[in-house]
Amino acid sequence: MPYKFESEVLKALEKLLKTETNYDVIIHVGKESDTKEFHAHSGFLCCRSDYFNSILSTKDTIKKDGKYVINKPNITPQAFDVIIKYFILDMLI
């Protein structure tokens, strides 16, 4: 029975990752012609990552239209895609 529950939770988290609604974090990744904007949920990022918890807990974090804005130019969109999926789904894809 626990396996079915875990499977359902994983499906819900994957849907959360793919559905870009109700997000409150915008992460700009990459530089020059290789950039991408990722959308995420601050509560989830803070629970899963001390790094994001630290960033999103400071008063200096930029907010635009009620959303946190984080710029990460020193990481490629391809690498960040793997990282964000790991945070959300707890697996490497």
PDB file of N, CA and C in Angstrom:
ATOM      1  N   MET A   1       0.799  -1.207   0.000  1.00  0.00           N
ATOM      2  CA  MET A   1       0.000   0.000   0.000  1.00  0.00           C
ATOM      3  C   MET A   1       0.847   1.280   0.000  1.00  0.00           C
ATOM      4  N   PRO A   2       1.926   1.350   0.793  1.00  0.00           N
ATOM      5  CA  PRO A   2       2.729   2.577   0.775  1.00  0.00           C
ATOM      6  C   PRO A   2       3.274   2.895  -0.614  1.00  0.00           C
ATOM      7  N   TYR A   3       3.606   1.852  -1.387  1.00  0.00           N
ATOM      8  CA  TYR A   3       4.139   2.081  -2.720  1.00  0.00           C
ATOM      9  C   TYR A   3       3.133   2.823  -3.591  1.00  0.00           C
ATOM     10  N   LYS A   4       1.861   2.458  -3.525  1.00  0.00           N
ATOM     11  CA  LYS A   4       0.826   3.124  -4.314  1.00  0.00           C
ATOM     12  C   LYS A   4       0.726   4.587  -3.909  1.00  0.00           C
ATOM     13  N   PHE A   5       0.779   4.858  -2.611  1.00  0.00           N
ATOM     14  CA  PHE A   5       0.716   6.236  -2.136  1.00  0.00           C
ATOM     15  C   PHE A   5       1.911   7.035  -2.652  1.00  0.00           C
ATOM     16  N   GLU A   6       3.114   6.454  -2.548  1.00  0.00           N
ATOM     17  CA  GLU A   6       4.314   7.134  -3.031  1.00  0.00           C
ATOM     18  C   GLU A   6       4.224   7.396  -4.525  1.00  0.00           C
ATOM     19  N   SER A   7       3.688   6.448  -5.260  1.00  0.00           N
ATOM     20  CA  SER A   7       3.529   6.602  -6.694  1.00  0.00           C
ATOM     21  C   SER A   7       2.570   7.748  -7.015  1.00  0.00           C
ATOM     22  N   GLU A   8       1.482   7.843  -6.277  1.00  0.00           N
ATOM     23  CA  GLU A   8       0.511   8.919  -6.487  1.00  0.00           C
ATOM     24  C   GLU A   8       1.110  10.279  -6.137  1.00  0.00           C
ATOM     25  N   VAL A   9       1.883  10.328  -5.068  1.00  0.00           N
ATOM     26  CA  VAL A   9       2.539  11.584  -4.679  1.00  0.00           C
ATOM     27  C   VAL A   9       3.531  12.000  -5.759  1.00  0.00           C
ATOM     28  N   LEU A  10       4.296  11.053  -6.262  1.00  0.00           N
ATOM     29  CA  LEU A  10       5.259  11.335  -7.316  1.00  0.00           C
ATOM     30  C   LEU A  10       4.560  11.865  -8.566  1.00  0.00           C
ATOM     31  N   LYS A  11       3.433  11.277  -8.928  1.00  0.00           N
ATOM     32  CA  LYS A  11       2.663  11.758 -10.082  1.00  0.00           C
ATOM     33  C   LYS A  11       2.171  13.184  -9.849  1.00  0.00           C
ATOM     34  N   ALA A  12       1.713  13.467  -8.641  1.00  0.00           N
ATOM     35  CA  ALA A  12       1.236  14.814  -8.315  1.00  0.00           C
ATOM     36  C   ALA A  12       2.378  15.827  -8.389  1.00  0.00           C
ATOM     37  N   LEU A  13       3.541  15.457  -7.902  1.00  0.00           N
ATOM     38  CA  LEU A  13       4.694  16.354  -7.951  1.00  0.00           C
ATOM     39  C   LEU A  13       5.158  16.585  -9.383  1.00  0.00           C
ATOM     40  N   GLU A  14       5.120  15.546 -10.188  1.00  0.00           N
ATOM     41  CA  GLU A  14       5.484  15.688 -11.598  1.00  0.00           C
ATOM     42  C   GLU A  14       4.506  16.628 -12.306  1.00  0.00           C
ATOM     43  N   LYS A  15       3.236  16.516 -11.977  1.00  0.00           N
ATOM     44  CA  LYS A  15       2.224  17.416 -12.544  1.00  0.00           C
ATOM     45  C   LYS A  15       2.498  18.851 -12.106  1.00  0.00           C
ATOM     46  N   LEU A  16       2.871  19.022 -10.840  1.00  0.00           N
ATOM     47  CA  LEU A  16       3.207  20.347 -10.319  1.00  0.00           C
ATOM     48  C   LEU A  16       4.371  20.943 -11.095  1.00  0.00           C
ATOM     49  N   LEU A  17       5.346  20.124 -11.423  1.00  0.00           N
ATOM     50  CA  LEU A  17       6.512  20.575 -12.167  1.00  0.00           C
ATOM     51  C   LEU A  17       6.142  20.989 -13.587  1.00  0.00           C
ATOM     52  N   LYS A  18       5.250  20.243 -14.220  1.00  0.00           N
ATOM     53  CA  LYS A  18       4.887  20.502 -15.611  1.00  0.00           C
ATOM     54  C   LYS A  18       3.833  21.598 -15.763  1.00  0.00           C
ATOM     55  N   THR A  19       2.974  21.743 -14.765  1.00  0.00           N
ATOM     56  CA  THR A  19       1.904  22.728 -14.833  1.00  0.00           C
ATOM     57  C   THR A  19       2.405  24.036 -14.247  1.00  0.00           C
ATOM     58  N   GLU A  20       2.487  25.031 -15.056  1.00  0.00           N
ATOM     59  CA  GLU A  20       3.044  26.295 -14.593  1.00  0.00           C
ATOM     60  C   GLU A  20       1.942  27.227 -14.084  1.00  0.00           C
ATOM     61  N   THR A  21       1.232  26.779 -13.075  1.00  0.00           N
ATOM     62  CA  THR A  21       0.220  27.618 -12.454  1.00  0.00           C
ATOM     63  C   THR A  21       0.536  27.765 -10.977  1.00  0.00           C
ATOM     64  N   ASN A  22       0.118  28.864 -10.421  1.00  0.00           N
ATOM     65  CA  ASN A  22       0.266  29.155  -8.996  1.00  0.00           C
ATOM     66  C   ASN A  22       1.716  29.175  -8.520  1.00  0.00           C
ATOM     67  N   TYR A  23       2.663  29.330  -9.409  1.00  0.00           N
ATOM     68  CA  TYR A  23       4.064  29.418  -9.003  1.00  0.00           C
ATOM     69  C   TYR A  23       4.340  30.807  -8.425  1.00  0.00           C
ATOM     70  N   ASP A  24       5.344  30.892  -7.570  1.00  0.00           N
ATOM     71  CA  ASP A  24       5.703  32.190  -7.006  1.00  0.00           C
ATOM     72  C   ASP A  24       7.202  32.464  -7.074  1.00  0.00           C
ATOM     73  N   VAL A  25       7.921  31.654  -7.863  1.00  0.00           N
ATOM     74  CA  VAL A  25       9.353  31.857  -8.070  1.00  0.00           C
ATOM     75  C   VAL A  25       9.645  31.776  -9.565  1.00  0.00           C
ATOM     76  N   ILE A  26      10.388  32.755 -10.053  1.00  0.00           N
ATOM     77  CA  ILE A  26      10.868  32.754 -11.433  1.00  0.00           C
ATOM     78  C   ILE A  26      12.385  32.689 -11.358  1.00  0.00           C
ATOM     79  N   ILE A  27      12.960  31.695 -12.017  1.00  0.00           N
ATOM     80  CA  ILE A  27      14.408  31.524 -11.996  1.00  0.00           C
ATOM     81  C   ILE A  27      14.922  31.673 -13.427  1.00  0.00           C
ATOM     82  N   HIS A  28      15.696  32.734 -13.659  1.00  0.00           N
ATOM     83  CA  HIS A  28      16.317  32.964 -14.965  1.00  0.00           C
ATOM     84  C   HIS A  28      17.674  32.269 -14.957  1.00  0.00           C
ATOM     85  N   VAL A  29      17.865  31.351 -15.892  1.00  0.00           N
ATOM     86  CA  VAL A  29      19.068  30.522 -15.919  1.00  0.00           C
ATOM     87  C   VAL A  29      19.785  30.698 -17.250  1.00  0.00           C
ATOM     88  N   GLY A  30      21.114  30.706 -17.201  1.00  0.00           N
ATOM     89  CA  GLY A  30      21.929  30.792 -18.402  1.00  0.00           C
ATOM     90  C   GLY A  30      22.295  32.220 -18.736  1.00  0.00           C
ATOM     91  N   LYS A  31      22.999  32.357 -19.850  1.00  0.00           N
ATOM     92  CA  LYS A  31      23.405  33.685 -20.297  1.00  0.00           C
ATOM     93  C   LYS A  31      23.442  33.739 -21.814  1.00  0.00           C
ATOM     94  N   GLU A  32      23.418  34.953 -22.301  1.00  0.00           N
ATOM     95  CA  GLU A  32      23.444  35.271 -23.726  1.00  0.00           C
ATOM     96  C   GLU A  32      22.325  34.555 -24.466  1.00  0.00           C
ATOM     97  N   SER A  33      22.664  33.756 -25.467  1.00  0.00           N
ATOM     98  CA  SER A  33      21.608  33.127 -26.276  1.00  0.00           C
ATOM     99  C   SER A  33      21.104  31.813 -25.681  1.00  0.00           C
ATOM    100  N   ASP A  34      21.731  31.341 -24.616  1.00  0.00           N
ATOM    101  CA  ASP A  34      21.336  30.071 -23.993  1.00  0.00           C
ATOM    102  C   ASP A  34      20.707  30.350 -22.626  1.00  0.00           C
ATOM    103  N   THR A  35      19.466  30.829 -22.646  1.00  0.00           N
ATOM    104  CA  THR A  35      18.767  31.158 -21.401  1.00  0.00           C
ATOM    105  C   THR A  35      17.407  30.469 -21.359  1.00  0.00           C
ATOM    106  N   LYS A  36      16.901  30.322 -20.152  1.00  0.00           N
ATOM    107  CA  LYS A  36      15.568  29.751 -19.973  1.00  0.00           C
ATOM    108  C   LYS A  36      14.999  30.267 -18.659  1.00  0.00           C
ATOM    109  N   GLU A  37      13.692  30.433 -18.633  1.00  0.00           N
ATOM    110  CA  GLU A  37      12.991  30.849 -17.420  1.00  0.00           C
ATOM    111  C   GLU A  37      12.275  29.636 -16.837  1.00  0.00           C
ATOM    112  N   PHE A  38      12.558  29.348 -15.576  1.00  0.00           N
ATOM    113  CA  PHE A  38      11.915  28.247 -14.863  1.00  0.00           C
ATOM    114  C   PHE A  38      10.937  28.825 -13.849  1.00  0.00           C
ATOM    115  N   HIS A  39       9.834  28.140 -13.649  1.00  0.00           N
ATOM    116  CA  HIS A  39       8.846  28.540 -12.643  1.00  0.00           C
ATOM    117  C   HIS A  39       8.794  27.470 -11.564  1.00  0.00           C
ATOM    118  N   ALA A  40       8.692  27.915 -10.308  1.00  0.00           N
ATOM    119  CA  ALA A  40       8.698  26.967  -9.199  1.00  0.00           C
ATOM    120  C   ALA A  40       7.862  27.511  -8.047  1.00  0.00           C
ATOM    121  N   HIS A  41       7.742  26.708  -7.014  1.00  0.00           N
ATOM    122  CA  HIS A  41       6.971  27.058  -5.823  1.00  0.00           C
ATOM    123  C   HIS A  41       7.934  27.216  -4.648  1.00  0.00           C
ATOM    124  N   SER A  42       7.926  28.383  -4.032  1.00  0.00           N
ATOM    125  CA  SER A  42       8.902  28.687  -2.980  1.00  0.00           C
ATOM    126  C   SER A  42       8.822  27.716  -1.810  1.00  0.00           C
ATOM    127  N   GLY A  43       7.640  27.351  -1.392  1.00  0.00           N
ATOM    128  CA  GLY A  43       7.501  26.435  -0.265  1.00  0.00           C
ATOM    129  C   GLY A  43       8.189  25.113  -0.524  1.00  0.00           C
ATOM    130  N   PHE A  44       8.017  24.619  -1.721  1.00  0.00           N
ATOM    131  CA  PHE A  44       8.636  23.342  -2.057  1.00  0.00           C
ATOM    132  C   PHE A  44      10.147  23.480  -2.154  1.00  0.00           C
ATOM    133  N   LEU A  45      10.616  24.536  -2.811  1.00  0.00           N
ATOM    134  CA  LEU A  45      12.060  24.744  -2.923  1.00  0.00           C
ATOM    135  C   LEU A  45      12.704  24.888  -1.549  1.00  0.00           C
ATOM    136  N   CYS A  46      12.051  25.633  -0.658  1.00  0.00           N
ATOM    137  CA  CYS A  46      12.600  25.844   0.687  1.00  0.00           C
ATOM    138  C   CYS A  46      12.660  24.544   1.483  1.00  0.00           C
ATOM    139  N   CYS A  47      11.668  23.703   1.332  1.00  0.00           N
ATOM    140  CA  CYS A  47      11.661  22.419   2.051  1.00  0.00           C
ATOM    141  C   CYS A  47      12.722  21.462   1.524  1.00  0.00           C
ATOM    142  N   ARG A  48      12.983  21.517   0.247  1.00  0.00           N
ATOM    143  CA  ARG A  48      13.883  20.552  -0.387  1.00  0.00           C
ATOM    144  C   ARG A  48      15.335  21.004  -0.461  1.00  0.00           C
ATOM    145  N   SER A  49      15.582  22.318  -0.269  1.00  0.00           N
ATOM    146  CA  SER A  49      16.932  22.822  -0.499  1.00  0.00           C
ATOM    147  C   SER A  49      17.295  23.920   0.492  1.00  0.00           C
ATOM    148  N   ASP A  50      18.351  23.690   1.260  1.00  0.00           N
ATOM    149  CA  ASP A  50      18.845  24.734   2.161  1.00  0.00           C
ATOM    150  C   ASP A  50      19.303  25.955   1.366  1.00  0.00           C
ATOM    151  N   TYR A  51      19.850  25.716   0.190  1.00  0.00           N
ATOM    152  CA  TYR A  51      20.309  26.804  -0.668  1.00  0.00           C
ATOM    153  C   TYR A  51      19.144  27.733  -1.029  1.00  0.00           C
ATOM    154  N   PHE A  52      18.063  27.168  -1.552  1.00  0.00           N
ATOM    155  CA  PHE A  52      16.915  27.995  -1.921  1.00  0.00           C
ATOM    156  C   PHE A  52      16.229  28.567  -0.688  1.00  0.00           C
ATOM    157  N   ASN A  53      16.214  27.832   0.403  1.00  0.00           N
ATOM    158  CA  ASN A  53      15.641  28.353   1.641  1.00  0.00           C
ATOM    159  C   ASN A  53      16.386  29.613   2.064  1.00  0.00           C
ATOM    160  N   SER A  54      17.696  29.585   1.971  1.00  0.00           N
ATOM    161  CA  SER A  54      18.510  30.741   2.329  1.00  0.00           C
ATOM    162  C   SER A  54      18.221  31.930   1.408  1.00  0.00           C
ATOM    163  N   ILE A  55      18.186  31.677   0.111  1.00  0.00           N
ATOM    164  CA  ILE A  55      17.926  32.748  -0.859  1.00  0.00           C
ATOM    165  C   ILE A  55      16.537  33.352  -0.662  1.00  0.00           C
ATOM    166  N   LEU A  56      15.540  32.503  -0.520  1.00  0.00           N
ATOM    167  CA  LEU A  56      14.156  32.980  -0.462  1.00  0.00           C
ATOM    168  C   LEU A  56      13.768  33.528   0.908  1.00  0.00           C
ATOM    169  N   SER A  57      14.618  33.348   1.906  1.00  0.00           N
ATOM    170  CA  SER A  57      14.317  33.838   3.252  1.00  0.00           C
ATOM    171  C   SER A  57      14.909  35.214   3.539  1.00  0.00           C
ATOM    172  N   THR A  58      15.703  35.741   2.629  1.00  0.00           N
ATOM    173  CA  THR A  58      16.312  37.046   2.870  1.00  0.00           C
ATOM    174  C   THR A  58      15.412  38.158   2.360  1.00  0.00           C
ATOM    175  N   LYS A  59      15.523  39.294   2.995  1.00  0.00           N
ATOM    176  CA  LYS A  59      14.734  40.459   2.581  1.00  0.00           C
ATOM    177  C   LYS A  59      15.257  41.053   1.281  1.00  0.00           C
ATOM    178  N   ASP A  60      16.486  40.703   0.911  1.00  0.00           N
ATOM    179  CA  ASP A  60      17.106  41.262  -0.289  1.00  0.00           C
ATOM    180  C   ASP A  60      16.662  40.580  -1.578  1.00  0.00           C
ATOM    181  N   THR A  61      15.953  39.481  -1.467  1.00  0.00           N
ATOM    182  CA  THR A  61      15.506  38.768  -2.661  1.00  0.00           C
ATOM    183  C   THR A  61      14.529  39.642  -3.437  1.00  0.00           C
ATOM    184  N   ILE A  62      14.780  39.768  -4.719  1.00  0.00           N
ATOM    185  CA  ILE A  62      13.952  40.610  -5.585  1.00  0.00           C
ATOM    186  C   ILE A  62      12.582  39.970  -5.768  1.00  0.00           C
ATOM    187  N   LYS A  63      11.539  40.794  -5.674  1.00  0.00           N
ATOM    188  CA  LYS A  63      10.176  40.348  -5.977  1.00  0.00           C
ATOM    189  C   LYS A  63       9.609  41.256  -7.053  1.00  0.00           C
ATOM    190  N   LYS A  64       8.958  40.645  -8.016  1.00  0.00           N
ATOM    191  CA  LYS A  64       8.312  41.395  -9.084  1.00  0.00           C
ATOM    192  C   LYS A  64       6.917  40.825  -9.269  1.00  0.00           C
ATOM    193  N   ASP A  65       5.924  41.672  -9.166  1.00  0.00           N
ATOM    194  CA  ASP A  65       4.525  41.249  -9.300  1.00  0.00           C
ATOM    195  C   ASP A  65       4.189  40.099  -8.357  1.00  0.00           C
ATOM    196  N   GLY A  66       4.737  40.145  -7.132  1.00  0.00           N
ATOM    197  CA  GLY A  66       4.442  39.140  -6.124  1.00  0.00           C
ATOM    198  C   GLY A  66       5.198  37.831  -6.274  1.00  0.00           C
ATOM    199  N   LYS A  67       6.136  37.784  -7.223  1.00  0.00           N
ATOM    200  CA  LYS A  67       6.914  36.561  -7.445  1.00  0.00           C
ATOM    201  C   LYS A  67       8.393  36.836  -7.162  1.00  0.00           C
ATOM    202  N   TYR A  68       9.047  35.865  -6.521  1.00  0.00           N
ATOM    203  CA  TYR A  68      10.485  35.966  -6.321  1.00  0.00           C
ATOM    204  C   TYR A  68      11.176  35.822  -7.669  1.00  0.00           C
ATOM    205  N   VAL A  69      12.224  36.609  -7.889  1.00  0.00           N
ATOM    206  CA  VAL A  69      12.991  36.525  -9.130  1.00  0.00           C
ATOM    207  C   VAL A  69      14.444  36.210  -8.770  1.00  0.00           C
ATOM    208  N   ILE A  70      14.936  35.104  -9.301  1.00  0.00           N
ATOM    209  CA  ILE A  70      16.302  34.661  -9.037  1.00  0.00           C
ATOM    210  C   ILE A  70      17.028  34.545 -10.372  1.00  0.00           C
ATOM    211  N   ASN A  71      18.212  35.103 -10.443  1.00  0.00           N
ATOM    212  CA  ASN A  71      19.028  35.025 -11.652  1.00  0.00           C
ATOM    213  C   ASN A  71      20.223  34.113 -11.400  1.00  0.00           C
ATOM    214  N   LYS A  72      20.377  33.105 -12.236  1.00  0.00           N
ATOM    215  CA  LYS A  72      21.483  32.149 -12.130  1.00  0.00           C
ATOM    216  C   LYS A  72      22.169  32.053 -13.500  1.00  0.00           C
ATOM    217  N   PRO A  73      22.969  33.068 -13.869  1.00  0.00           N
ATOM    218  CA  PRO A  73      23.594  33.062 -15.193  1.00  0.00           C
ATOM    219  C   PRO A  73      24.715  32.040 -15.350  1.00  0.00           C
ATOM    220  N   ASN A  74      25.269  31.554 -14.256  1.00  0.00           N
ATOM    221  CA  ASN A  74      26.432  30.671 -14.340  1.00  0.00           C
ATOM    222  C   ASN A  74      26.095  29.186 -14.390  1.00  0.00           C
ATOM    223  N   ILE A  75      24.871  28.867 -14.731  1.00  0.00           N
ATOM    224  CA  ILE A  75      24.474  27.468 -14.892  1.00  0.00           C
ATOM    225  C   ILE A  75      23.669  27.363 -16.183  1.00  0.00           C
ATOM    226  N   THR A  76      23.867  26.284 -16.909  1.00  0.00           N
ATOM    227  CA  THR A  76      23.148  26.133 -18.175  1.00  0.00           C
ATOM    228  C   THR A  76      21.705  25.700 -17.909  1.00  0.00           C
ATOM    229  N   PRO A  77      20.808  26.062 -18.805  1.00  0.00           N
ATOM    230  CA  PRO A  77      19.423  25.605 -18.654  1.00  0.00           C
ATOM    231  C   PRO A  77      19.312  24.082 -18.604  1.00  0.00           C
ATOM    232  N   GLN A  78      20.142  23.388 -19.356  1.00  0.00           N
ATOM    233  CA  GLN A  78      20.090  21.926 -19.378  1.00  0.00           C
ATOM    234  C   GLN A  78      20.459  21.354 -18.007  1.00  0.00           C
ATOM    235  N   ALA A  79      21.499  21.900 -17.387  1.00  0.00           N
ATOM    236  CA  ALA A  79      21.916  21.422 -16.064  1.00  0.00           C
ATOM    237  C   ALA A  79      20.871  21.773 -15.010  1.00  0.00           C
ATOM    238  N   PHE A  80      20.315  22.979 -15.087  1.00  0.00           N
ATOM    239  CA  PHE A  80      19.326  23.376 -14.090  1.00  0.00           C
ATOM    240  C   PHE A  80      18.052  22.554 -14.222  1.00  0.00           C
ATOM    241  N   ASP A  81      17.708  22.167 -15.428  1.00  0.00           N
ATOM    242  CA  ASP A  81      16.535  21.321 -15.634  1.00  0.00           C
ATOM    243  C   ASP A  81      16.680  20.009 -14.861  1.00  0.00           C
ATOM    244  N   VAL A  82      17.866  19.427 -14.888  1.00  0.00           N
ATOM    245  CA  VAL A  82      18.124  18.198 -14.128  1.00  0.00           C
ATOM    246  C   VAL A  82      18.018  18.475 -12.627  1.00  0.00           C
ATOM    247  N   ILE A  83      18.591  19.591 -12.192  1.00  0.00           N
ATOM    248  CA  ILE A  83      18.580  19.947 -10.766  1.00  0.00           C
ATOM    249  C   ILE A  83      17.157  20.158 -10.264  1.00  0.00           C
ATOM    250  N   ILE A  84      16.360  20.923 -10.989  1.00  0.00           N
ATOM    251  CA  ILE A  84      14.996  21.228 -10.524  1.00  0.00           C
ATOM    252  C   ILE A  84      14.145  19.960 -10.508  1.00  0.00           C
ATOM    253  N   LYS A  85      14.344  19.080 -11.477  1.00  0.00           N
ATOM    254  CA  LYS A  85      13.601  17.814 -11.475  1.00  0.00           C
ATOM    255  C   LYS A  85      14.012  16.953 -10.290  1.00  0.00           C
ATOM    256  N   TYR A  86      15.278  17.000  -9.939  1.00  0.00           N
ATOM    257  CA  TYR A  86      15.736  16.246  -8.771  1.00  0.00           C
ATOM    258  C   TYR A  86      15.101  16.802  -7.496  1.00  0.00           C
ATOM    259  N   PHE A  87      15.051  18.133  -7.369  1.00  0.00           N
ATOM    260  CA  PHE A  87      14.419  18.735  -6.192  1.00  0.00           C
ATOM    261  C   PHE A  87      12.956  18.329  -6.078  1.00  0.00           C
ATOM    262  N   ILE A  88      12.260  18.352  -7.189  1.00  0.00           N
ATOM    263  CA  ILE A  88      10.826  18.086  -7.168  1.00  0.00           C
ATOM    264  C   ILE A  88      10.528  16.588  -7.079  1.00  0.00           C
ATOM    265  N   LEU A  89      11.195  15.793  -7.912  1.00  0.00           N
ATOM    266  CA  LEU A  89      10.841  14.378  -8.035  1.00  0.00           C
ATOM    267  C   LEU A  89      11.754  13.441  -7.252  1.00  0.00           C
ATOM    268  N   ASP A  90      12.845  13.977  -6.704  1.00  0.00           N
ATOM    269  CA  ASP A  90      13.795  13.189  -5.916  1.00  0.00           C
ATOM    270  C   ASP A  90      14.413  12.062  -6.730  1.00  0.00           C
ATOM    271  N   MET A  91      14.601  12.317  -8.024  1.00  0.00           N
ATOM    272  CA  MET A  91      15.266  11.331  -8.874  1.00  0.00           C
ATOM    273  C   MET A  91      15.933  12.051 -10.026  1.00  0.00           C
ATOM    274  N   LEU A  92      16.968  11.454 -10.543  1.00  0.00           N
ATOM    275  CA  LEU A  92      17.631  11.995 -11.720  1.00  0.00           C
ATOM    276  C   LEU A  92      16.940  11.454 -12.952  1.00  0.00           C
ATOM    277  N   ILE A  93      16.630  12.347 -13.873  1.00  0.00           N
ATOM    278  CA  ILE A  93      15.912  11.948 -15.084  1.00  0.00           C
ATOM    279  C   ILE A  93      16.794  12.219 -16.281  1.00  0.00           C
TER     280      ILE A  93
END
